Amino acid sequence: MPRGGSLTLTFSPQAREMITQWQELAEPRLAEDGDLADMAEFISKLPGKAARIAAILHVAKHSGTGADPFTELIGEETLHSALEIANHQIHHFRFVTRLSGMSPLVRLADRLVKHMVSHSLTEITRRDAQRHLKTPTADAVDPVLDLLEDHGYIQATKMTRRASGPGRDPSQRYEINPTLWSGEK
């Protein structure tokens, strides 16, 4: 290694395309309703981790062969192995999250809070929460709303029943604690 300098590893054009496609496939899964939404911060760093893993695998592959890993391009096979490791890290992250006690209920509550903050909501209905969280029924969202109410994130407003007639009663409304936007909560 040159003194005071740095060495650069370079991806082949095919490997660069491969990592770009991998990122593009992951992006929609990070949306609010995607299966990776609750891991967005972790996933956003994963392409960089995959590139570093590929670099390590590339140097290890050339170690002792006499070939200079800094003049050889990192190829598709090496990147494929690195992406397999990165995909495994997603499953590992989920497992560790479960072990750490972050229950599915807490994850749903966290998703709903992020939704409320990102959309600057001042109130939310039970039905809106159910639609956002994609629970099978409005009743299935009640434990999430109860948890948020118990922790002071939301407060149920007084419900007004419909007078007689067709249709259903309006959905329970919740006022959202304004401290969510000020960072105090």
N, C-alpha and C. Protein backbone atom coordinates (compact mmCIF):
# COMPACT_ATOMS: atom_id res chain seq x y z
N MET A 1 0.86 -1.18 0.00
CA MET A 1 0.00 0.00 0.00
C MET A 1 0.89 1.23 0.00
N PRO A 2 0.60 2.21 -0.84
CA PRO A 2 1.42 3.41 -0.87
C PRO A 2 1.35 4.16 0.46
N ARG A 3 2.47 4.71 0.84
CA ARG A 3 2.53 5.46 2.08
C ARG A 3 1.66 6.72 1.98
N GLY A 4 0.76 6.88 2.98
CA GLY A 4 -0.08 8.07 3.03
C GLY A 4 -1.16 8.11 1.97
N GLY A 5 -1.20 7.14 1.11
CA GLY A 5 -2.20 7.14 0.05
C GLY A 5 -3.26 6.09 0.31
N SER A 6 -4.10 5.93 -0.62
CA SER A 6 -5.15 4.91 -0.49
C SER A 6 -5.20 4.09 -1.77
N LEU A 7 -5.72 2.92 -1.63
CA LEU A 7 -5.91 2.04 -2.77
C LEU A 7 -7.40 1.97 -3.06
N THR A 8 -7.74 1.83 -4.30
CA THR A 8 -9.14 1.80 -4.69
C THR A 8 -9.47 0.47 -5.35
N LEU A 9 -10.58 -0.09 -4.91
CA LEU A 9 -11.14 -1.28 -5.56
C LEU A 9 -12.25 -0.81 -6.47
N THR A 10 -12.39 -1.45 -7.62
CA THR A 10 -13.37 -1.01 -8.60
C THR A 10 -14.30 -2.16 -8.96
N PHE A 11 -15.59 -1.85 -9.07
CA PHE A 11 -16.58 -2.83 -9.50
C PHE A 11 -16.62 -2.89 -11.01
N SER A 12 -16.88 -4.06 -11.54
CA SER A 12 -17.08 -4.19 -12.98
C SER A 12 -18.40 -3.50 -13.33
N PRO A 13 -18.58 -3.09 -14.58
CA PRO A 13 -19.86 -2.47 -14.96
C PRO A 13 -21.06 -3.38 -14.65
N GLN A 14 -20.89 -4.70 -14.85
CA GLN A 14 -21.99 -5.64 -14.58
C GLN A 14 -22.29 -5.67 -13.08
N ALA A 15 -21.26 -5.63 -12.25
CA ALA A 15 -21.47 -5.64 -10.79
C ALA A 15 -22.13 -4.34 -10.34
N ARG A 16 -21.72 -3.21 -10.93
CA ARG A 16 -22.37 -1.93 -10.59
C ARG A 16 -23.85 -1.98 -10.95
N GLU A 17 -24.16 -2.54 -12.11
CA GLU A 17 -25.57 -2.66 -12.53
C GLU A 17 -26.33 -3.57 -11.57
N MET A 18 -25.67 -4.63 -11.13
CA MET A 18 -26.28 -5.59 -10.22
C MET A 18 -26.68 -4.93 -8.89
N ILE A 19 -25.78 -4.12 -8.33
CA ILE A 19 -26.09 -3.48 -7.04
C ILE A 19 -27.16 -2.41 -7.22
N THR A 20 -27.15 -1.74 -8.38
CA THR A 20 -28.19 -0.75 -8.67
C THR A 20 -29.56 -1.43 -8.74
N GLN A 21 -29.63 -2.57 -9.43
CA GLN A 21 -30.89 -3.31 -9.52
C GLN A 21 -31.34 -3.79 -8.15
N TRP A 22 -30.40 -4.24 -7.34
CA TRP A 22 -30.73 -4.71 -5.98
C TRP A 22 -31.33 -3.57 -5.17
N GLN A 23 -30.76 -2.36 -5.27
CA GLN A 23 -31.29 -1.20 -4.57
C GLN A 23 -32.69 -0.85 -5.09
N GLU A 24 -32.87 -0.90 -6.39
CA GLU A 24 -34.17 -0.57 -6.99
C GLU A 24 -35.25 -1.55 -6.56
N LEU A 25 -34.89 -2.82 -6.38
CA LEU A 25 -35.86 -3.81 -5.91
C LEU A 25 -36.24 -3.57 -4.45
N ALA A 26 -35.29 -3.09 -3.66
CA ALA A 26 -35.54 -2.86 -2.24
C ALA A 26 -36.35 -1.59 -1.99
N GLU A 27 -36.20 -0.60 -2.84
CA GLU A 27 -36.81 0.70 -2.60
C GLU A 27 -38.32 0.67 -2.37
N PRO A 28 -39.12 0.01 -3.21
CA PRO A 28 -40.57 0.00 -2.95
C PRO A 28 -40.93 -0.72 -1.64
N ARG A 29 -40.07 -1.63 -1.23
CA ARG A 29 -40.33 -2.37 0.01
C ARG A 29 -40.11 -1.49 1.24
N LEU A 30 -39.47 -0.33 1.06
CA LEU A 30 -39.22 0.60 2.16
C LEU A 30 -40.35 1.60 2.35
N ALA A 31 -41.30 1.63 1.42
CA ALA A 31 -42.43 2.54 1.52
C ALA A 31 -43.22 2.24 2.79
N GLU A 32 -44.03 3.21 3.19
CA GLU A 32 -44.80 3.07 4.44
C GLU A 32 -45.52 1.74 4.57
N ASP A 33 -46.03 1.23 3.46
CA ASP A 33 -46.78 -0.03 3.51
C ASP A 33 -45.95 -1.22 3.05
N GLY A 34 -44.65 -1.03 2.88
CA GLY A 34 -43.78 -2.12 2.44
C GLY A 34 -43.37 -3.03 3.58
N ASP A 35 -42.93 -4.23 3.23
CA ASP A 35 -42.55 -5.21 4.26
C ASP A 35 -41.25 -4.85 4.97
N LEU A 36 -40.51 -3.87 4.44
CA LEU A 36 -39.27 -3.44 5.09
C LEU A 36 -39.40 -2.04 5.71
N ALA A 37 -40.62 -1.50 5.77
CA ALA A 37 -40.83 -0.14 6.25
C ALA A 37 -40.29 0.07 7.66
N ASP A 38 -40.44 -0.94 8.50
CA ASP A 38 -39.99 -0.80 9.89
C ASP A 38 -38.47 -0.92 10.03
N MET A 39 -37.78 -1.16 8.92
CA MET A 39 -36.34 -1.34 8.94
C MET A 39 -35.64 -0.32 8.04
N ALA A 40 -36.33 0.75 7.67
CA ALA A 40 -35.83 1.67 6.66
C ALA A 40 -34.42 2.20 6.97
N GLU A 41 -34.18 2.57 8.21
CA GLU A 41 -32.86 3.11 8.56
C GLU A 41 -31.78 2.05 8.35
N PHE A 42 -32.04 0.84 8.79
CA PHE A 42 -31.08 -0.25 8.63
C PHE A 42 -30.86 -0.56 7.15
N ILE A 43 -31.95 -0.68 6.40
CA ILE A 43 -31.88 -1.05 4.99
C ILE A 43 -31.17 0.03 4.17
N SER A 44 -31.35 1.29 4.53
CA SER A 44 -30.73 2.37 3.75
C SER A 44 -29.20 2.29 3.78
N LYS A 45 -28.64 1.65 4.80
CA LYS A 45 -27.19 1.52 4.92
C LYS A 45 -26.68 0.21 4.32
N LEU A 46 -27.57 -0.67 3.96
CA LEU A 46 -27.18 -2.00 3.50
C LEU A 46 -26.41 -2.02 2.17
N PRO A 47 -26.73 -1.19 1.18
CA PRO A 47 -25.92 -1.22 -0.05
C PRO A 47 -24.44 -0.91 0.22
N GLY A 48 -24.17 0.05 1.08
CA GLY A 48 -22.79 0.36 1.44
C GLY A 48 -22.12 -0.80 2.14
N LYS A 49 -22.87 -1.46 3.03
CA LYS A 49 -22.33 -2.64 3.72
C LYS A 49 -22.04 -3.75 2.71
N ALA A 50 -22.96 -3.94 1.76
CA ALA A 50 -22.76 -4.99 0.74
C ALA A 50 -21.52 -4.69 -0.10
N ALA A 51 -21.30 -3.42 -0.42
CA ALA A 51 -20.11 -3.06 -1.20
C ALA A 51 -18.84 -3.34 -0.39
N ARG A 52 -18.86 -3.04 0.90
CA ARG A 52 -17.68 -3.32 1.74
C ARG A 52 -17.45 -4.82 1.88
N ILE A 53 -18.53 -5.58 2.00
CA ILE A 53 -18.40 -7.04 2.08
C ILE A 53 -17.81 -7.58 0.78
N ALA A 54 -18.29 -7.05 -0.35
CA ALA A 54 -17.76 -7.47 -1.66
C ALA A 54 -16.26 -7.15 -1.74
N ALA A 55 -15.86 -6.01 -1.23
CA ALA A 55 -14.44 -5.64 -1.26
C ALA A 55 -13.61 -6.63 -0.43
N ILE A 56 -14.10 -6.99 0.73
CA ILE A 56 -13.39 -7.95 1.58
C ILE A 56 -13.29 -9.31 0.89
N LEU A 57 -14.42 -9.77 0.32
CA LEU A 57 -14.41 -11.05 -0.39
C LEU A 57 -13.46 -11.02 -1.58
N HIS A 58 -13.43 -9.90 -2.28
CA HIS A 58 -12.57 -9.75 -3.45
C HIS A 58 -11.09 -9.85 -3.06
N VAL A 59 -10.71 -9.12 -2.01
CA VAL A 59 -9.31 -9.16 -1.56
C VAL A 59 -8.96 -10.56 -1.07
N ALA A 60 -9.89 -11.19 -0.31
CA ALA A 60 -9.63 -12.54 0.19
C ALA A 60 -9.48 -13.53 -0.97
N LYS A 61 -10.29 -13.38 -1.99
CA LYS A 61 -10.25 -14.27 -3.16
C LYS A 61 -8.88 -14.20 -3.85
N HIS A 62 -8.28 -13.03 -3.87
CA HIS A 62 -7.01 -12.84 -4.56
C HIS A 62 -5.80 -13.03 -3.64
N SER A 63 -6.04 -13.19 -2.36
CA SER A 63 -4.95 -13.36 -1.41
C SER A 63 -4.17 -14.64 -1.72
N GLY A 64 -2.87 -14.51 -1.82
CA GLY A 64 -2.01 -15.67 -2.04
C GLY A 64 -2.00 -16.19 -3.46
N THR A 65 -2.71 -15.53 -4.38
CA THR A 65 -2.74 -16.01 -5.76
C THR A 65 -1.71 -15.31 -6.64
N GLY A 66 -1.15 -14.25 -6.12
CA GLY A 66 -0.22 -13.46 -6.91
C GLY A 66 -0.91 -12.38 -7.72
N ALA A 67 -2.24 -12.46 -7.83
CA ALA A 67 -2.99 -11.43 -8.57
C ALA A 67 -3.17 -10.22 -7.66
N ASP A 68 -3.16 -9.05 -8.24
CA ASP A 68 -3.34 -7.81 -7.49
C ASP A 68 -4.83 -7.46 -7.45
N PRO A 69 -5.46 -7.56 -6.27
CA PRO A 69 -6.90 -7.27 -6.20
C PRO A 69 -7.24 -5.82 -6.55
N PHE A 70 -6.21 -4.95 -6.54
CA PHE A 70 -6.47 -3.55 -6.82
C PHE A 70 -6.43 -3.23 -8.31
N THR A 71 -5.99 -4.18 -9.11
CA THR A 71 -6.04 -3.99 -10.56
C THR A 71 -7.14 -4.82 -11.19
N GLU A 72 -7.61 -5.84 -10.46
CA GLU A 72 -8.72 -6.69 -10.94
C GLU A 72 -10.04 -6.04 -10.51
N LEU A 73 -11.03 -6.14 -11.36
CA LEU A 73 -12.36 -5.60 -11.03
C LEU A 73 -13.12 -6.57 -10.12
N ILE A 74 -13.94 -6.00 -9.24
CA ILE A 74 -14.83 -6.82 -8.43
C ILE A 74 -15.96 -7.27 -9.35
N GLY A 75 -16.10 -8.57 -9.53
CA GLY A 75 -17.05 -9.10 -10.50
C GLY A 75 -18.40 -9.46 -9.92
N GLU A 76 -19.25 -9.94 -10.81
CA GLU A 76 -20.63 -10.30 -10.46
C GLU A 76 -20.69 -11.42 -9.42
N GLU A 77 -19.83 -12.43 -9.58
CA GLU A 77 -19.86 -13.57 -8.65
C GLU A 77 -19.56 -13.12 -7.23
N THR A 78 -18.56 -12.27 -7.07
CA THR A 78 -18.19 -11.77 -5.75
C THR A 78 -19.31 -10.90 -5.19
N LEU A 79 -19.86 -10.02 -6.01
CA LEU A 79 -20.95 -9.16 -5.54
C LEU A 79 -22.18 -10.00 -5.20
N HIS A 80 -22.45 -11.02 -5.99
CA HIS A 80 -23.58 -11.89 -5.70
C HIS A 80 -23.43 -12.49 -4.30
N SER A 81 -22.24 -12.96 -3.96
CA SER A 81 -21.99 -13.52 -2.63
C SER A 81 -22.20 -12.46 -1.56
N ALA A 82 -21.75 -11.24 -1.81
CA ALA A 82 -21.92 -10.15 -0.85
C ALA A 82 -23.39 -9.81 -0.66
N LEU A 83 -24.16 -9.81 -1.75
CA LEU A 83 -25.60 -9.52 -1.65
C LEU A 83 -26.34 -10.62 -0.90
N GLU A 84 -25.89 -11.86 -1.05
CA GLU A 84 -26.47 -12.96 -0.28
C GLU A 84 -26.25 -12.73 1.22
N ILE A 85 -25.06 -12.30 1.57
CA ILE A 85 -24.76 -11.99 2.97
C ILE A 85 -25.63 -10.82 3.44
N ALA A 86 -25.76 -9.79 2.61
CA ALA A 86 -26.59 -8.64 2.97
C ALA A 86 -28.05 -9.05 3.16
N ASN A 87 -28.56 -9.91 2.29
CA ASN A 87 -29.94 -10.39 2.44
C ASN A 87 -30.09 -11.17 3.74
N HIS A 88 -29.08 -11.93 4.09
CA HIS A 88 -29.11 -12.66 5.36
C HIS A 88 -29.16 -11.68 6.54
N GLN A 89 -28.48 -10.53 6.41
CA GLN A 89 -28.48 -9.55 7.48
C GLN A 89 -29.88 -8.99 7.73
N ILE A 90 -30.71 -8.93 6.70
CA ILE A 90 -32.10 -8.48 6.88
C ILE A 90 -32.83 -9.45 7.80
N HIS A 91 -32.70 -10.75 7.54
CA HIS A 91 -33.35 -11.76 8.38
C HIS A 91 -32.77 -11.74 9.79
N HIS A 92 -31.48 -11.55 9.89
CA HIS A 92 -30.83 -11.48 11.20
C HIS A 92 -31.34 -10.27 11.99
N PHE A 93 -31.47 -9.13 11.33
CA PHE A 93 -31.97 -7.92 11.99
C PHE A 93 -33.37 -8.15 12.53
N ARG A 94 -34.23 -8.78 11.72
CA ARG A 94 -35.59 -9.08 12.18
C ARG A 94 -35.57 -10.00 13.40
N PHE A 95 -34.72 -11.01 13.36
CA PHE A 95 -34.62 -11.96 14.47
C PHE A 95 -34.16 -11.25 15.74
N VAL A 96 -33.12 -10.44 15.62
CA VAL A 96 -32.59 -9.71 16.78
C VAL A 96 -33.64 -8.73 17.31
N THR A 97 -34.36 -8.09 16.41
CA THR A 97 -35.41 -7.17 16.84
C THR A 97 -36.45 -7.90 17.67
N ARG A 98 -36.84 -9.09 17.21
CA ARG A 98 -37.81 -9.88 17.98
C ARG A 98 -37.24 -10.28 19.33
N LEU A 99 -35.98 -10.71 19.35
CA LEU A 99 -35.34 -11.10 20.60
C LEU A 99 -35.25 -9.95 21.59
N SER A 100 -35.05 -8.76 21.07
CA SER A 100 -34.88 -7.61 21.94
C SER A 100 -36.19 -7.17 22.58
N GLY A 101 -37.26 -7.82 22.22
CA GLY A 101 -38.54 -7.51 22.85
C GLY A 101 -39.38 -6.50 22.10
N MET A 102 -38.94 -6.09 20.93
CA MET A 102 -39.76 -5.17 20.16
C MET A 102 -40.87 -5.98 19.51
N SER A 103 -41.99 -5.99 20.14
CA SER A 103 -43.10 -6.82 19.69
C SER A 103 -43.70 -6.27 18.40
N PRO A 104 -44.45 -7.11 17.70
CA PRO A 104 -45.15 -6.64 16.50
C PRO A 104 -46.08 -5.46 16.82
N LEU A 105 -46.67 -5.47 18.01
CA LEU A 105 -47.55 -4.38 18.42
C LEU A 105 -46.77 -3.07 18.49
N VAL A 106 -45.59 -3.12 19.10
CA VAL A 106 -44.76 -1.91 19.21
C VAL A 106 -44.31 -1.45 17.82
N ARG A 107 -43.96 -2.39 16.95
CA ARG A 107 -43.56 -2.01 15.59
C ARG A 107 -44.71 -1.33 14.85
N LEU A 108 -45.94 -1.87 15.01
CA LEU A 108 -47.09 -1.24 14.37
C LEU A 108 -47.32 0.16 14.93
N ALA A 109 -47.21 0.29 16.24
CA ALA A 109 -47.38 1.60 16.87
C ALA A 109 -46.33 2.58 16.35
N ASP A 110 -45.10 2.11 16.23
CA ASP A 110 -44.02 2.95 15.72
C ASP A 110 -44.32 3.39 14.29
N ARG A 111 -44.81 2.46 13.46
CA ARG A 111 -45.17 2.81 12.08
C ARG A 111 -46.26 3.87 12.04
N LEU A 112 -47.24 3.73 12.93
CA LEU A 112 -48.34 4.69 12.94
C LEU A 112 -47.86 6.06 13.41
N VAL A 113 -46.99 6.10 14.41
CA VAL A 113 -46.44 7.38 14.87
C VAL A 113 -45.65 8.04 13.74
N LYS A 114 -44.81 7.28 13.04
CA LYS A 114 -44.04 7.84 11.93
C LYS A 114 -44.96 8.39 10.84
N HIS A 115 -46.04 7.68 10.58
CA HIS A 115 -47.03 8.14 9.59
C HIS A 115 -47.66 9.45 10.04
N MET A 116 -48.06 9.51 11.31
CA MET A 116 -48.71 10.72 11.82
C MET A 116 -47.77 11.92 11.75
N VAL A 117 -46.51 11.71 12.11
CA VAL A 117 -45.54 12.80 12.09
C VAL A 117 -45.21 13.21 10.66
N SER A 118 -44.94 12.22 9.79
CA SER A 118 -44.55 12.56 8.41
C SER A 118 -45.67 13.27 7.65
N HIS A 119 -46.91 13.05 8.05
CA HIS A 119 -48.03 13.71 7.39
C HIS A 119 -48.58 14.89 8.21
N SER A 120 -47.89 15.24 9.29
CA SER A 120 -48.27 16.37 10.15
C SER A 120 -49.74 16.30 10.55
N LEU A 121 -50.18 15.12 10.92
CA LEU A 121 -51.58 14.95 11.30
C LEU A 121 -51.84 15.54 12.69
N THR A 122 -53.01 16.13 12.85
CA THR A 122 -53.41 16.62 14.17
C THR A 122 -54.44 15.69 14.79
N GLU A 123 -55.04 14.86 13.94
CA GLU A 123 -55.97 13.85 14.44
C GLU A 123 -55.97 12.67 13.47
N ILE A 124 -56.44 11.55 13.98
CA ILE A 124 -56.53 10.34 13.17
C ILE A 124 -57.75 9.57 13.63
N THR A 125 -58.40 8.89 12.69
CA THR A 125 -59.54 8.07 13.08
C THR A 125 -59.10 6.61 13.18
N ARG A 126 -59.91 5.86 13.86
CA ARG A 126 -59.66 4.42 13.99
C ARG A 126 -59.58 3.79 12.59
N ARG A 127 -60.48 4.20 11.72
CA ARG A 127 -60.53 3.66 10.37
C ARG A 127 -59.27 4.05 9.58
N ASP A 128 -58.82 5.30 9.73
CA ASP A 128 -57.58 5.73 9.05
C ASP A 128 -56.39 4.91 9.52
N ALA A 129 -56.31 4.66 10.82
CA ALA A 129 -55.21 3.87 11.37
C ALA A 129 -55.26 2.45 10.80
N GLN A 130 -56.45 1.89 10.72
CA GLN A 130 -56.62 0.54 10.19
C GLN A 130 -56.20 0.49 8.73
N ARG A 131 -56.56 1.49 7.96
CA ARG A 131 -56.17 1.52 6.54
C ARG A 131 -54.66 1.65 6.40
N HIS A 132 -54.07 2.54 7.20
CA HIS A 132 -52.62 2.74 7.09
C HIS A 132 -51.85 1.48 7.50
N LEU A 133 -52.27 0.84 8.57
CA LEU A 133 -51.55 -0.34 9.06
C LEU A 133 -51.96 -1.60 8.32
N LYS A 134 -53.03 -1.50 7.52
CA LYS A 134 -53.51 -2.64 6.74
C LYS A 134 -53.86 -3.84 7.62
N THR A 135 -54.49 -3.54 8.75
CA THR A 135 -54.96 -4.64 9.59
C THR A 135 -56.23 -5.18 8.96
N PRO A 136 -56.53 -6.46 9.19
CA PRO A 136 -57.69 -7.05 8.53
C PRO A 136 -59.03 -6.42 8.93
N THR A 137 -59.11 -5.93 10.15
CA THR A 137 -60.35 -5.28 10.61
C THR A 137 -59.99 -4.07 11.44
N ALA A 138 -60.96 -3.19 11.63
CA ALA A 138 -60.72 -2.03 12.48
C ALA A 138 -60.47 -2.48 13.92
N ASP A 139 -61.13 -3.56 14.35
CA ASP A 139 -60.91 -4.07 15.72
C ASP A 139 -59.45 -4.48 15.95
N ALA A 140 -58.78 -4.93 14.90
CA ALA A 140 -57.39 -5.38 15.03
C ALA A 140 -56.44 -4.22 15.31
N VAL A 141 -56.86 -2.99 15.03
CA VAL A 141 -56.00 -1.83 15.28
C VAL A 141 -56.17 -1.30 16.70
N ASP A 142 -57.20 -1.73 17.40
CA ASP A 142 -57.47 -1.22 18.75
C ASP A 142 -56.29 -1.38 19.71
N PRO A 143 -55.60 -2.54 19.75
CA PRO A 143 -54.46 -2.63 20.67
C PRO A 143 -53.36 -1.61 20.38
N VAL A 144 -53.17 -1.28 19.11
CA VAL A 144 -52.16 -0.27 18.74
C VAL A 144 -52.60 1.10 19.25
N LEU A 145 -53.86 1.44 19.00
CA LEU A 145 -54.38 2.73 19.46
C LEU A 145 -54.38 2.81 20.98
N ASP A 146 -54.71 1.70 21.64
CA ASP A 146 -54.67 1.68 23.11
C ASP A 146 -53.26 1.92 23.63
N LEU A 147 -52.28 1.29 23.00
CA LEU A 147 -50.89 1.47 23.41
C LEU A 147 -50.46 2.94 23.25
N LEU A 148 -50.81 3.52 22.11
CA LEU A 148 -50.44 4.93 21.87
C LEU A 148 -51.16 5.86 22.83
N GLU A 149 -52.40 5.53 23.16
CA GLU A 149 -53.14 6.36 24.11
C GLU A 149 -52.55 6.21 25.52
N ASP A 150 -52.20 4.99 25.90
CA ASP A 150 -51.60 4.75 27.22
C ASP A 150 -50.29 5.51 27.39
N HIS A 151 -49.57 5.72 26.28
CA HIS A 151 -48.28 6.41 26.35
C HIS A 151 -48.36 7.90 25.99
N GLY A 152 -49.58 8.40 25.85
CA GLY A 152 -49.77 9.84 25.66
C GLY A 152 -49.53 10.36 24.25
N TYR A 153 -49.47 9.49 23.26
CA TYR A 153 -49.28 9.95 21.90
C TYR A 153 -50.59 10.47 21.29
N ILE A 154 -51.68 9.85 21.67
CA ILE A 154 -52.99 10.23 21.15
C ILE A 154 -53.99 10.26 22.30
N GLN A 155 -55.12 10.93 22.06
CA GLN A 155 -56.19 10.96 23.06
C GLN A 155 -57.52 10.86 22.33
N ALA A 156 -58.34 9.91 22.76
CA ALA A 156 -59.65 9.73 22.13
C ALA A 156 -60.51 10.96 22.38
N THR A 157 -61.24 11.35 21.35
CA THR A 157 -62.18 12.46 21.50
C THR A 157 -63.56 11.88 21.77
N LYS A 158 -64.43 12.71 22.28
CA LYS A 158 -65.79 12.24 22.56
C LYS A 158 -66.48 11.91 21.25
N MET A 159 -67.05 10.71 21.22
CA MET A 159 -67.74 10.27 20.00
C MET A 159 -69.18 10.76 20.00
N THR A 160 -69.64 11.12 18.84
CA THR A 160 -71.05 11.45 18.69
C THR A 160 -71.69 10.36 17.85
N ARG A 161 -72.74 9.81 18.35
CA ARG A 161 -73.46 8.75 17.63
C ARG A 161 -74.36 9.37 16.59
N ARG A 162 -74.56 8.63 15.54
CA ARG A 162 -75.50 9.07 14.51
C ARG A 162 -76.91 8.98 15.05
N ALA A 163 -77.72 9.86 14.61
CA ALA A 163 -79.14 9.71 14.90
C ALA A 163 -79.59 8.48 14.14
N SER A 164 -80.77 8.09 14.27
CA SER A 164 -81.22 6.90 13.57
C SER A 164 -81.06 7.09 12.07
N GLY A 165 -81.08 6.00 11.36
CA GLY A 165 -80.98 6.08 9.91
C GLY A 165 -79.91 5.14 9.40
N PRO A 166 -79.78 5.07 8.09
CA PRO A 166 -78.82 4.14 7.50
C PRO A 166 -77.37 4.61 7.74
N GLY A 167 -76.49 3.68 7.55
CA GLY A 167 -75.07 3.99 7.71
C GLY A 167 -74.56 3.62 9.08
N ARG A 168 -73.26 3.68 9.23
CA ARG A 168 -72.69 3.31 10.51
C ARG A 168 -72.27 4.57 11.26
N ASP A 169 -72.02 4.39 12.54
CA ASP A 169 -71.53 5.50 13.35
C ASP A 169 -70.16 5.93 12.84
N PRO A 170 -69.83 7.20 13.04
CA PRO A 170 -68.50 7.63 12.61
C PRO A 170 -67.41 6.90 13.39
N SER A 171 -66.26 6.79 12.78
CA SER A 171 -65.11 6.13 13.41
C SER A 171 -64.60 6.96 14.58
N GLN A 172 -64.11 6.28 15.61
CA GLN A 172 -63.53 6.97 16.76
C GLN A 172 -62.39 7.87 16.28
N ARG A 173 -62.39 9.11 16.77
CA ARG A 173 -61.32 10.05 16.42
C ARG A 173 -60.36 10.17 17.60
N TYR A 174 -59.10 10.43 17.24
CA TYR A 174 -58.06 10.63 18.25
C TYR A 174 -57.31 11.91 17.92
N GLU A 175 -57.13 12.76 18.94
CA GLU A 175 -56.27 13.93 18.78
C GLU A 175 -54.83 13.46 18.98
N ILE A 176 -53.93 14.01 18.20
CA ILE A 176 -52.53 13.62 18.28
C ILE A 176 -51.78 14.63 19.13
N ASN A 177 -51.01 14.13 20.06
CA ASN A 177 -50.23 14.98 20.96
C ASN A 177 -49.29 15.87 20.14
N PRO A 178 -49.42 17.20 20.25
CA PRO A 178 -48.59 18.09 19.43
C PRO A 178 -47.10 18.01 19.76
N THR A 179 -46.73 17.42 20.87
CA THR A 179 -45.31 17.32 21.19
C THR A 179 -44.59 16.35 20.27
N LEU A 180 -45.34 15.56 19.49
CA LEU A 180 -44.69 14.67 18.50
C LEU A 180 -43.86 15.47 17.52
N TRP A 181 -44.32 16.67 17.16
CA TRP A 181 -43.60 17.49 16.18
C TRP A 181 -42.50 18.31 16.81
N SER A 182 -42.60 18.56 18.11
CA SER A 182 -41.57 19.39 18.76
C SER A 182 -40.41 18.56 19.27
N GLY A 183 -40.51 17.22 19.18
CA GLY A 183 -39.43 16.36 19.63
C GLY A 183 -39.44 16.13 21.14
N GLU A 184 -40.47 16.58 21.84
CA GLU A 184 -40.52 16.39 23.29
C GLU A 184 -40.95 15.00 23.68
N LYS A 185 -41.74 14.33 22.85
CA LYS A 185 -42.30 13.01 23.22
C LYS A 185 -41.26 11.94 23.19
